mmCIF file of all heavy atoms, coordinates in Angstrom:
data_MODEL
# 
_entry.id   MODEL 
# 
loop_
_atom_site.group_PDB 
_atom_site.id 
_atom_site.type_symbol 
_atom_site.label_atom_id 
_atom_site.label_alt_id 
_atom_site.label_comp_id 
_atom_site.label_asym_id 
_atom_site.label_entity_id 
_atom_site.label_seq_id 
_atom_site.pdbx_PDB_ins_code 
_atom_site.Cartn_x 
_atom_site.Cartn_y 
_atom_site.Cartn_z 
_atom_site.occupancy 
_atom_site.B_iso_or_equiv 
_atom_site.pdbx_formal_charge 
_atom_site.auth_seq_id 
_atom_site.auth_comp_id 
_atom_site.auth_asym_id 
_atom_site.auth_atom_id 
_atom_site.pdbx_PDB_model_num 
ATOM 1   N N   . THR A 1 1  ? 12.505 -10.367 7.454   1.00 0.00 ? 1  THR A N   1 
ATOM 2   C CA  . THR A 1 1  ? 12.791 -9.935  8.867   1.00 0.00 ? 1  THR A CA  1 
ATOM 3   C C   . THR A 1 1  ? 12.829 -8.475  8.985   1.00 0.00 ? 1  THR A C   1 
ATOM 4   O O   . THR A 1 1  ? 12.781 -7.943  10.092  1.00 0.00 ? 1  THR A O   1 
ATOM 5   C CB  . THR A 1 1  ? 14.153 -10.533 9.275   1.00 0.00 ? 1  THR A CB  1 
ATOM 6   O OG1 . THR A 1 1  ? 15.136 -10.152 8.362   1.00 0.00 ? 1  THR A OG1 1 
ATOM 7   C CG2 . THR A 1 1  ? 14.099 -12.026 9.334   1.00 0.00 ? 1  THR A CG2 1 
ATOM 8   N N   . THR A 1 2  ? 12.938 -7.665  7.879   1.00 0.00 ? 2  THR A N   1 
ATOM 9   C CA  . THR A 1 2  ? 13.053 -6.283  8.001   1.00 0.00 ? 2  THR A CA  1 
ATOM 10  C C   . THR A 1 2  ? 11.750 -5.582  7.597   1.00 0.00 ? 2  THR A C   1 
ATOM 11  O O   . THR A 1 2  ? 11.617 -4.362  7.682   1.00 0.00 ? 2  THR A O   1 
ATOM 12  C CB  . THR A 1 2  ? 14.095 -5.740  7.053   1.00 0.00 ? 2  THR A CB  1 
ATOM 13  O OG1 . THR A 1 2  ? 13.780 -6.056  5.660   1.00 0.00 ? 2  THR A OG1 1 
ATOM 14  C CG2 . THR A 1 2  ? 15.508 -6.353  7.380   1.00 0.00 ? 2  THR A CG2 1 
ATOM 15  N N   . GLU A 1 3  ? 10.736 -6.328  7.238   1.00 0.00 ? 3  GLU A N   1 
ATOM 16  C CA  . GLU A 1 3  ? 9.462  -5.745  6.816   1.00 0.00 ? 3  GLU A CA  1 
ATOM 17  C C   . GLU A 1 3  ? 8.490  -5.664  8.006   1.00 0.00 ? 3  GLU A C   1 
ATOM 18  O O   . GLU A 1 3  ? 8.394  -6.601  8.782   1.00 0.00 ? 3  GLU A O   1 
ATOM 19  C CB  . GLU A 1 3  ? 8.790  -6.611  5.753   1.00 0.00 ? 3  GLU A CB  1 
ATOM 20  C CG  . GLU A 1 3  ? 9.539  -6.554  4.410   1.00 0.00 ? 3  GLU A CG  1 
ATOM 21  C CD  . GLU A 1 3  ? 9.512  -5.194  3.804   1.00 0.00 ? 3  GLU A CD  1 
ATOM 22  O OE1 . GLU A 1 3  ? 8.451  -4.577  3.713   1.00 0.00 ? 3  GLU A OE1 1 
ATOM 23  O OE2 . GLU A 1 3  ? 10.593 -4.687  3.432   1.00 0.00 ? 3  GLU A OE2 1 
ATOM 24  N N   . PRO A 1 4  ? 7.743  -4.607  8.172   1.00 0.00 ? 4  PRO A N   1 
ATOM 25  C CA  . PRO A 1 4  ? 6.713  -4.547  9.204   1.00 0.00 ? 4  PRO A CA  1 
ATOM 26  C C   . PRO A 1 4  ? 5.591  -5.435  8.879   1.00 0.00 ? 4  PRO A C   1 
ATOM 27  O O   . PRO A 1 4  ? 5.419  -5.863  7.743   1.00 0.00 ? 4  PRO A O   1 
ATOM 28  C CB  . PRO A 1 4  ? 6.301  -3.060  9.159   1.00 0.00 ? 4  PRO A CB  1 
ATOM 29  C CG  . PRO A 1 4  ? 6.584  -2.649  7.799   1.00 0.00 ? 4  PRO A CG  1 
ATOM 30  C CD  . PRO A 1 4  ? 7.807  -3.372  7.338   1.00 0.00 ? 4  PRO A CD  1 
ATOM 31  N N   . PRO A 1 5  ? 4.740  -5.801  9.891   1.00 0.00 ? 5  PRO A N   1 
ATOM 32  C CA  . PRO A 1 5  ? 3.618  -6.698  9.605   1.00 0.00 ? 5  PRO A CA  1 
ATOM 33  C C   . PRO A 1 5  ? 2.664  -6.042  8.554   1.00 0.00 ? 5  PRO A C   1 
ATOM 34  O O   . PRO A 1 5  ? 2.398  -4.835  8.597   1.00 0.00 ? 5  PRO A O   1 
ATOM 35  C CB  . PRO A 1 5  ? 2.923  -6.804  10.972  1.00 0.00 ? 5  PRO A CB  1 
ATOM 36  C CG  . PRO A 1 5  ? 4.001  -6.446  11.979  1.00 0.00 ? 5  PRO A CG  1 
ATOM 37  C CD  . PRO A 1 5  ? 4.857  -5.474  11.295  1.00 0.00 ? 5  PRO A CD  1 
ATOM 38  N N   . VAL A 1 6  ? 2.156  -6.925  7.649   1.00 0.00 ? 6  VAL A N   1 
ATOM 39  C CA  . VAL A 1 6  ? 1.284  -6.412  6.643   1.00 0.00 ? 6  VAL A CA  1 
ATOM 40  C C   . VAL A 1 6  ? -0.159 -6.629  7.098   1.00 0.00 ? 6  VAL A C   1 
ATOM 41  O O   . VAL A 1 6  ? -0.586 -7.718  7.481   1.00 0.00 ? 6  VAL A O   1 
ATOM 42  C CB  . VAL A 1 6  ? 1.465  -7.189  5.303   1.00 0.00 ? 6  VAL A CB  1 
ATOM 43  C CG1 . VAL A 1 6  ? 0.431  -6.768  4.278   1.00 0.00 ? 6  VAL A CG1 1 
ATOM 44  C CG2 . VAL A 1 6  ? 2.892  -6.937  4.789   1.00 0.00 ? 6  VAL A CG2 1 
ATOM 45  N N   . THR A 1 7  ? -0.929 -5.573  7.079   1.00 0.00 ? 7  THR A N   1 
ATOM 46  C CA  . THR A 1 7  ? -2.331 -5.628  7.377   1.00 0.00 ? 7  THR A CA  1 
ATOM 47  C C   . THR A 1 7  ? -3.126 -5.194  6.210   1.00 0.00 ? 7  THR A C   1 
ATOM 48  O O   . THR A 1 7  ? -2.601 -4.655  5.217   1.00 0.00 ? 7  THR A O   1 
ATOM 49  C CB  . THR A 1 7  ? -2.695 -4.707  8.606   1.00 0.00 ? 7  THR A CB  1 
ATOM 50  O OG1 . THR A 1 7  ? -2.511 -3.353  8.151   1.00 0.00 ? 7  THR A OG1 1 
ATOM 51  C CG2 . THR A 1 7  ? -1.847 -5.010  9.789   1.00 0.00 ? 7  THR A CG2 1 
ATOM 52  N N   . ALA A 1 8  ? -4.453 -5.472  6.204   1.00 0.00 ? 8  ALA A N   1 
ATOM 53  C CA  . ALA A 1 8  ? -5.273 -5.077  5.073   1.00 0.00 ? 8  ALA A CA  1 
ATOM 54  C C   . ALA A 1 8  ? -5.179 -3.521  4.886   1.00 0.00 ? 8  ALA A C   1 
ATOM 55  O O   . ALA A 1 8  ? -5.135 -3.072  3.717   1.00 0.00 ? 8  ALA A O   1 
ATOM 56  C CB  . ALA A 1 8  ? -6.734 -5.442  5.313   1.00 0.00 ? 8  ALA A CB  1 
ATOM 57  N N   . ALA A 1 9  ? -5.113 -2.790  5.939   1.00 0.00 ? 9  ALA A N   1 
ATOM 58  C CA  . ALA A 1 9  ? -5.061 -1.360  5.853   1.00 0.00 ? 9  ALA A CA  1 
ATOM 59  C C   . ALA A 1 9  ? -3.754 -0.874  5.254   1.00 0.00 ? 9  ALA A C   1 
ATOM 60  O O   . ALA A 1 9  ? -3.746 -0.009  4.361   1.00 0.00 ? 9  ALA A O   1 
ATOM 61  C CB  . ALA A 1 9  ? -5.279 -0.691  7.233   1.00 0.00 ? 9  ALA A CB  1 
ATOM 62  N N   . THR A 1 10 ? -2.620 -1.426  5.705   1.00 0.00 ? 10 THR A N   1 
ATOM 63  C CA  . THR A 1 10 ? -1.326 -0.979  5.173   1.00 0.00 ? 10 THR A CA  1 
ATOM 64  C C   . THR A 1 10 ? -1.126 -1.416  3.745   1.00 0.00 ? 10 THR A C   1 
ATOM 65  O O   . THR A 1 10 ? -0.589 -0.666  2.924   1.00 0.00 ? 10 THR A O   1 
ATOM 66  C CB  . THR A 1 10 ? -0.174 -1.467  6.032   1.00 0.00 ? 10 THR A CB  1 
ATOM 67  O OG1 . THR A 1 10 ? -0.236 -2.915  6.069   1.00 0.00 ? 10 THR A OG1 1 
ATOM 68  C CG2 . THR A 1 10 ? -0.237 -0.911  7.415   1.00 0.00 ? 10 THR A CG2 1 
ATOM 69  N N   . ALA A 1 11 ? -1.632 -2.609  3.392   1.00 0.00 ? 11 ALA A N   1 
ATOM 70  C CA  . ALA A 1 11 ? -1.566 -3.056  2.007   1.00 0.00 ? 11 ALA A CA  1 
ATOM 71  C C   . ALA A 1 11 ? -2.403 -2.234  1.107   1.00 0.00 ? 11 ALA A C   1 
ATOM 72  O O   . ALA A 1 11 ? -1.988 -1.891  -0.040  1.00 0.00 ? 11 ALA A O   1 
ATOM 73  C CB  . ALA A 1 11 ? -1.943 -4.514  1.916   1.00 0.00 ? 11 ALA A CB  1 
ATOM 74  N N   . THR A 1 12 ? -3.625 -1.836  1.576   1.00 0.00 ? 12 THR A N   1 
ATOM 75  C CA  . THR A 1 12 ? -4.416 -0.931  0.767   1.00 0.00 ? 12 THR A CA  1 
ATOM 76  C C   . THR A 1 12 ? -3.748 0.398   0.515   1.00 0.00 ? 12 THR A C   1 
ATOM 77  O O   . THR A 1 12 ? -3.747 0.974   -0.551  1.00 0.00 ? 12 THR A O   1 
ATOM 78  C CB  . THR A 1 12 ? -5.808 -0.761  1.455   1.00 0.00 ? 12 THR A CB  1 
ATOM 79  O OG1 . THR A 1 12 ? -6.439 -1.982  1.533   1.00 0.00 ? 12 THR A OG1 1 
ATOM 80  C CG2 . THR A 1 12 ? -6.640 0.227   0.742   1.00 0.00 ? 12 THR A CG2 1 
ATOM 81  N N   . ALA A 1 13 ? -3.097 0.911   1.598   1.00 0.00 ? 13 ALA A N   1 
ATOM 82  C CA  . ALA A 1 13 ? -2.416 2.164   1.461   1.00 0.00 ? 13 ALA A CA  1 
ATOM 83  C C   . ALA A 1 13 ? -1.241 2.078   0.464   1.00 0.00 ? 13 ALA A C   1 
ATOM 84  O O   . ALA A 1 13 ? -0.988 2.949   -0.350  1.00 0.00 ? 13 ALA A O   1 
ATOM 85  C CB  . ALA A 1 13 ? -1.900 2.612   2.819   1.00 0.00 ? 13 ALA A CB  1 
ATOM 86  N N   . THR A 1 14 ? -0.514 0.972   0.523   1.00 0.00 ? 14 THR A N   1 
ATOM 87  C CA  . THR A 1 14 ? 0.612  0.757   -0.376  1.00 0.00 ? 14 THR A CA  1 
ATOM 88  C C   . THR A 1 14 ? 0.090  0.670   -1.815  1.00 0.00 ? 14 THR A C   1 
ATOM 89  O O   . THR A 1 14 ? 0.666  1.337   -2.696  1.00 0.00 ? 14 THR A O   1 
ATOM 90  C CB  . THR A 1 14 ? 1.333  -0.595  -0.044  1.00 0.00 ? 14 THR A CB  1 
ATOM 91  O OG1 . THR A 1 14 ? 1.804  -0.465  1.315   1.00 0.00 ? 14 THR A OG1 1 
ATOM 92  C CG2 . THR A 1 14 ? 2.443  -0.846  -1.027  1.00 0.00 ? 14 THR A CG2 1 
ATOM 93  N N   . ALA A 1 15 ? -0.960 -0.120  -2.095  1.00 0.00 ? 15 ALA A N   1 
ATOM 94  C CA  . ALA A 1 15 ? -1.495 -0.236  -3.420  1.00 0.00 ? 15 ALA A CA  1 
ATOM 95  C C   . ALA A 1 15 ? -1.982 1.100   -3.933  1.00 0.00 ? 15 ALA A C   1 
ATOM 96  O O   . ALA A 1 15 ? -1.721 1.438   -5.118  1.00 0.00 ? 15 ALA A O   1 
ATOM 97  C CB  . ALA A 1 15 ? -2.611 -1.273  -3.414  1.00 0.00 ? 15 ALA A CB  1 
ATOM 98  N N   . THR A 1 16 ? -2.659 1.860   -3.073  1.00 0.00 ? 16 THR A N   1 
ATOM 99  C CA  . THR A 1 16 ? -3.182 3.111   -3.520  1.00 0.00 ? 16 THR A CA  1 
ATOM 100 C C   . THR A 1 16 ? -2.071 4.102   -3.827  1.00 0.00 ? 16 THR A C   1 
ATOM 101 O O   . THR A 1 16 ? -2.107 4.810   -4.855  1.00 0.00 ? 16 THR A O   1 
ATOM 102 C CB  . THR A 1 16 ? -4.138 3.729   -2.394  1.00 0.00 ? 16 THR A CB  1 
ATOM 103 O OG1 . THR A 1 16 ? -5.126 2.729   -2.227  1.00 0.00 ? 16 THR A OG1 1 
ATOM 104 C CG2 . THR A 1 16 ? -4.750 5.011   -2.894  1.00 0.00 ? 16 THR A CG2 1 
ATOM 105 N N   . ALA A 1 17 ? -1.056 4.163   -2.954  1.00 0.00 ? 17 ALA A N   1 
ATOM 106 C CA  . ALA A 1 17 ? 0.057  5.078   -3.203  1.00 0.00 ? 17 ALA A CA  1 
ATOM 107 C C   . ALA A 1 17 ? 0.786  4.745   -4.455  1.00 0.00 ? 17 ALA A C   1 
ATOM 108 O O   . ALA A 1 17 ? 1.148  5.613   -5.272  1.00 0.00 ? 17 ALA A O   1 
ATOM 109 C CB  . ALA A 1 17 ? 1.012  5.034   -1.980  1.00 0.00 ? 17 ALA A CB  1 
ATOM 110 N N   . ALA A 1 18 ? 0.994  3.423   -4.718  1.00 0.00 ? 18 ALA A N   1 
ATOM 111 C CA  . ALA A 1 18 ? 1.720  2.966   -5.887  1.00 0.00 ? 18 ALA A CA  1 
ATOM 112 C C   . ALA A 1 18 ? 0.981  3.240   -7.132  1.00 0.00 ? 18 ALA A C   1 
ATOM 113 O O   . ALA A 1 18 ? 1.532  3.452   -8.237  1.00 0.00 ? 18 ALA A O   1 
ATOM 114 C CB  . ALA A 1 18 ? 1.992  1.460   -5.799  1.00 0.00 ? 18 ALA A CB  1 
ATOM 115 N N   . ASN A 1 19 ? -0.352 3.333   -7.105  1.00 0.00 ? 19 ASN A N   1 
ATOM 116 C CA  . ASN A 1 19 ? -1.159 3.500   -8.267  1.00 0.00 ? 19 ASN A CA  1 
ATOM 117 C C   . ASN A 1 19 ? -1.956 4.808   -8.236  1.00 0.00 ? 19 ASN A C   1 
ATOM 118 O O   . ASN A 1 19 ? -2.936 4.963   -8.928  1.00 0.00 ? 19 ASN A O   1 
ATOM 119 C CB  . ASN A 1 19 ? -2.131 2.364   -8.398  1.00 0.00 ? 19 ASN A CB  1 
ATOM 120 C CG  . ASN A 1 19 ? -1.379 1.057   -8.675  1.00 0.00 ? 19 ASN A CG  1 
ATOM 121 O OD1 . ASN A 1 19 ? -0.795 0.871   -9.694  1.00 0.00 ? 19 ASN A OD1 1 
ATOM 122 N ND2 . ASN A 1 19 ? -1.395 0.162   -7.749  1.00 0.00 ? 19 ASN A ND2 1 
ATOM 123 N N   . SER A 1 20 ? -1.469 5.807   -7.485  1.00 0.00 ? 20 SER A N   1 
ATOM 124 C CA  . SER A 1 20 ? -2.233 7.047   -7.376  1.00 0.00 ? 20 SER A CA  1 
ATOM 125 C C   . SER A 1 20 ? -2.355 7.794   -8.715  1.00 0.00 ? 20 SER A C   1 
ATOM 126 O O   . SER A 1 20 ? -3.385 8.467   -8.949  1.00 0.00 ? 20 SER A O   1 
ATOM 127 C CB  . SER A 1 20 ? -1.567 7.969   -6.314  1.00 0.00 ? 20 SER A CB  1 
ATOM 128 O OG  . SER A 1 20 ? -0.224 8.272   -6.704  1.00 0.00 ? 20 SER A OG  1 
ATOM 129 N N   . ASP A 1 21 ? -1.398 7.584   -9.576  1.00 0.00 ? 21 ASP A N   1 
ATOM 130 C CA  . ASP A 1 21 ? -1.439 8.214   -10.884 1.00 0.00 ? 21 ASP A CA  1 
ATOM 131 C C   . ASP A 1 21 ? -2.680 7.693   -11.679 1.00 0.00 ? 21 ASP A C   1 
ATOM 132 O O   . ASP A 1 21 ? -3.284 8.388   -12.484 1.00 0.00 ? 21 ASP A O   1 
ATOM 133 C CB  . ASP A 1 21 ? -0.180 7.954   -11.686 1.00 0.00 ? 21 ASP A CB  1 
ATOM 134 C CG  . ASP A 1 21 ? 1.015  8.766   -11.207 1.00 0.00 ? 21 ASP A CG  1 
ATOM 135 O OD1 . ASP A 1 21 ? 0.779  9.738   -10.439 1.00 0.00 ? 21 ASP A OD1 1 
ATOM 136 O OD2 . ASP A 1 21 ? 2.130  8.476   -11.541 1.00 0.00 ? 21 ASP A OD2 1 
ATOM 137 N N   . TYR A 1 22 ? -3.012 6.419   -11.455 1.00 0.00 ? 22 TYR A N   1 
ATOM 138 C CA  . TYR A 1 22 ? -4.167 5.872   -12.180 1.00 0.00 ? 22 TYR A CA  1 
ATOM 139 C C   . TYR A 1 22 ? -5.471 6.382   -11.666 1.00 0.00 ? 22 TYR A C   1 
ATOM 140 O O   . TYR A 1 22 ? -6.476 6.306   -12.346 1.00 0.00 ? 22 TYR A O   1 
ATOM 141 C CB  . TYR A 1 22 ? -4.128 4.333   -12.060 1.00 0.00 ? 22 TYR A CB  1 
ATOM 142 C CG  . TYR A 1 22 ? -2.941 3.713   -12.869 1.00 0.00 ? 22 TYR A CG  1 
ATOM 143 C CD1 . TYR A 1 22 ? -1.809 3.261   -12.161 1.00 0.00 ? 22 TYR A CD1 1 
ATOM 144 C CD2 . TYR A 1 22 ? -2.988 3.672   -14.275 1.00 0.00 ? 22 TYR A CD2 1 
ATOM 145 C CE1 . TYR A 1 22 ? -0.754 2.754   -12.879 1.00 0.00 ? 22 TYR A CE1 1 
ATOM 146 C CE2 . TYR A 1 22 ? -1.899 3.189   -14.945 1.00 0.00 ? 22 TYR A CE2 1 
ATOM 147 C CZ  . TYR A 1 22 ? -0.768 2.733   -14.262 1.00 0.00 ? 22 TYR A CZ  1 
ATOM 148 O OH  . TYR A 1 22 ? 0.319  2.237   -14.978 1.00 0.00 ? 22 TYR A OH  1 
ATOM 149 N N   . ASP A 1 23 ? -5.502 6.883   -10.430 1.00 0.00 ? 23 ASP A N   1 
ATOM 150 C CA  . ASP A 1 23 ? -6.757 7.451   -9.930  1.00 0.00 ? 23 ASP A CA  1 
ATOM 151 C C   . ASP A 1 23 ? -7.166 8.730   -10.659 1.00 0.00 ? 23 ASP A C   1 
ATOM 152 O O   . ASP A 1 23 ? -8.377 9.000   -10.852 1.00 0.00 ? 23 ASP A O   1 
ATOM 153 C CB  . ASP A 1 23 ? -6.634 7.778   -8.424  1.00 0.00 ? 23 ASP A CB  1 
ATOM 154 C CG  . ASP A 1 23 ? -6.680 6.546   -7.556  1.00 0.00 ? 23 ASP A CG  1 
ATOM 155 O OD1 . ASP A 1 23 ? -6.858 5.440   -8.138  1.00 0.00 ? 23 ASP A OD1 1 
ATOM 156 O OD2 . ASP A 1 23 ? -6.462 6.616   -6.372  1.00 0.00 ? 23 ASP A OD2 1 
ATOM 157 N N   . SER A 1 24 ? -6.148 9.516   -11.104 1.00 0.00 ? 24 SER A N   1 
ATOM 158 C CA  . SER A 1 24 ? -6.489 10.730  -11.805 1.00 0.00 ? 24 SER A CA  1 
ATOM 159 C C   . SER A 1 24 ? -6.567 10.548  -13.292 1.00 0.00 ? 24 SER A C   1 
ATOM 160 O O   . SER A 1 24 ? -6.958 11.473  -14.013 1.00 0.00 ? 24 SER A O   1 
ATOM 161 C CB  . SER A 1 24 ? -5.412 11.793  -11.471 1.00 0.00 ? 24 SER A CB  1 
ATOM 162 O OG  . SER A 1 24 ? -4.160 11.331  -11.945 1.00 0.00 ? 24 SER A OG  1 
# 
């Protein structure tokens, strides 16, 4: 009930932010 709606775009942003260290 406290989470905003999950969309493909927001989930992609979340995954990318969480794993940004792996990009470099």
